[in-house]
Every structure is written in structure tokens, then in C-alpha cells.
Amino acid sequence: MAEYDAAKASGEGSAILRREGLYHSHILEWRAARDAGALTALGTRKSPVPEGRRRSAKAAELE
């Protein structure tokens, strides 16, 4: 969405949407969600497992 918003010329935004297989309605929905605070709420969630107690990827694979 940031890349689309940064596109200056009208054809640049359309090219981004085509490249990513998106429609303009996706951008409108994501902007509405961002403005409502939905996207920031998802980005600030912390893991329920404390940092020191997390298993390494190798330990999880071995288990």
C-alpha cells in the first residue's frame, strides 16, 4: 500500500496493481482498515511466550 501511495503518475499505481494481481477496491478496503486502526492493532501484538522461554527452530524441529 505504501508503494501504491508513493506512485506519482497515474499509470504507476495501475502498474503496481497489475503486477501484484490486486484491484483498486483492495487499496480502498486496506485504507479504511488502516484508518480504523485495525492494521496497527495487528502489528503491535506481542507473543504470549516470554523471550527467554522460546524454543529455537532446531529444538522445535527435533521435538
C-alpha atoms as a PDB file:
ATOM      1  CA  MET A   1       0.000   0.000   0.000  1.00  0.00           C
ATOM      2  CA  ALA A   2       2.888   2.331   0.720  1.00  0.00           C
ATOM      3  CA  GLU A   3       4.340   1.697  -2.731  1.00  0.00           C
ATOM      4  CA  TYR A   4       0.959   2.396  -4.325  1.00  0.00           C
ATOM      5  CA  ASP A   5       0.555   5.611  -2.310  1.00  0.00           C
ATOM      6  CA  ALA A   6       4.069   6.707  -3.295  1.00  0.00           C
ATOM      7  CA  ALA A   7       3.388   6.230  -7.022  1.00  0.00           C
ATOM      8  CA  LYS A   8       3.206   9.723  -8.503  1.00  0.00           C
ATOM      9  CA  ALA A   9       1.973   9.161 -12.045  1.00  0.00           C
ATOM     10  CA  SER A  10      -1.456   7.639 -12.571  1.00  0.00           C
ATOM     11  CA  GLY A  11      -0.036   4.769 -14.648  1.00  0.00           C
ATOM     12  CA  GLU A  12       2.424   3.774 -11.927  1.00  0.00           C
ATOM     13  CA  GLY A  13      -0.309   2.862  -9.451  1.00  0.00           C
ATOM     14  CA  SER A  14      -2.138   0.809 -12.055  1.00  0.00           C
ATOM     15  CA  ALA A  15       1.085  -0.986 -12.953  1.00  0.00           C
ATOM     16  CA  ILE A  16       1.637  -1.904  -9.291  1.00  0.00           C
ATOM     17  CA  LEU A  17      -1.884  -3.286  -9.001  1.00  0.00           C
ATOM     18  CA  ARG A  18      -1.472  -5.372 -12.177  1.00  0.00           C
ATOM     19  CA  ARG A  19       1.920  -6.678 -11.068  1.00  0.00           C
ATOM     20  CA  GLU A  20       0.555  -7.787  -7.685  1.00  0.00           C
ATOM     21  CA  GLY A  21      -2.760  -9.088  -9.029  1.00  0.00           C
ATOM     22  CA  LEU A  22      -4.807  -6.609  -6.989  1.00  0.00           C
ATOM     23  CA  TYR A  23      -7.796  -4.368  -7.608  1.00  0.00           C
ATOM     24  CA  HIS A  24      -8.272  -0.760  -6.572  1.00  0.00           C
ATOM     25  CA  SER A  25     -11.005  -1.949  -4.185  1.00  0.00           C
ATOM     26  CA  HIS A  26      -8.319  -3.787  -2.186  1.00  0.00           C
ATOM     27  CA  ILE A  27      -6.499  -0.496  -1.634  1.00  0.00           C
ATOM     28  CA  LEU A  28      -9.740   1.182  -0.547  1.00  0.00           C
ATOM     29  CA  GLU A  29     -10.507  -1.607   1.948  1.00  0.00           C
ATOM     30  CA  TRP A  30      -6.975  -1.581   3.363  1.00  0.00           C
ATOM     31  CA  ARG A  31      -7.016   2.209   3.749  1.00  0.00           C
ATOM     32  CA  ALA A  32     -10.331   2.001   5.607  1.00  0.00           C
ATOM     33  CA  ALA A  33      -8.908  -0.706   7.893  1.00  0.00           C
ATOM     34  CA  ARG A  34      -5.771   1.355   8.482  1.00  0.00           C
ATOM     35  CA  ASP A  35      -7.785   4.460   9.279  1.00  0.00           C
ATOM     36  CA  ALA A  36      -9.961   2.471  11.679  1.00  0.00           C
ATOM     37  CA  GLY A  37      -6.840   1.267  13.495  1.00  0.00           C
ATOM     38  CA  ALA A  38      -7.213  -2.389  12.552  1.00  0.00           C
ATOM     39  CA  LEU A  39      -3.794  -2.694  10.947  1.00  0.00           C
ATOM     40  CA  THR A  40      -1.891  -1.094  13.811  1.00  0.00           C
ATOM     41  CA  ALA A  41      -3.655  -3.321  16.322  1.00  0.00           C
ATOM     42  CA  LEU A  42      -2.478  -6.400  14.448  1.00  0.00           C
ATOM     43  CA  GLY A  43       1.090  -5.146  14.249  1.00  0.00           C
ATOM     44  CA  THR A  44       1.539  -4.468  17.964  1.00  0.00           C
ATOM     45  CA  ARG A  45       0.565  -7.889  19.300  1.00  0.00           C
ATOM     46  CA  LYS A  46       3.238  -9.451  21.458  1.00  0.00           C
ATOM     47  CA  SER A  47       3.998 -13.111  21.685  1.00  0.00           C
ATOM     48  CA  PRO A  48       2.475 -14.851  24.728  1.00  0.00           C
ATOM     49  CA  VAL A  49       5.754 -16.712  25.283  1.00  0.00           C
ATOM     50  CA  PRO A  50       8.455 -14.739  27.114  1.00  0.00           C
ATOM     51  CA  GLU A  51      11.604 -14.121  25.079  1.00  0.00           C
ATOM     52  CA  GLY A  52      13.790 -16.374  27.255  1.00  0.00           C
ATOM     53  CA  ARG A  53      11.419 -19.340  27.047  1.00  0.00           C
ATOM     54  CA  ARG A  54      11.057 -19.552  23.283  1.00  0.00           C
ATOM     55  CA  ARG A  55      12.313 -22.706  21.641  1.00  0.00           C
ATOM     56  CA  SER A  56      14.748 -22.440  18.809  1.00  0.00           C
ATOM     57  CA  ALA A  57      13.619 -23.617  15.393  1.00  0.00           C
ATOM     58  CA  LYS A  58      16.016 -26.545  15.645  1.00  0.00           C
ATOM     59  CA  ALA A  59      14.625 -27.596  19.046  1.00  0.00           C
ATOM     60  CA  ALA A  60      11.061 -27.429  17.733  1.00  0.00           C
ATOM     61  CA  GLU A  61      12.019 -29.491  14.691  1.00  0.00           C
ATOM     62  CA  LEU A  62      13.736 -32.143  16.816  1.00  0.00           C
ATOM     63  CA  GLU A  63      10.778 -32.345  19.142  1.00  0.00           C
END
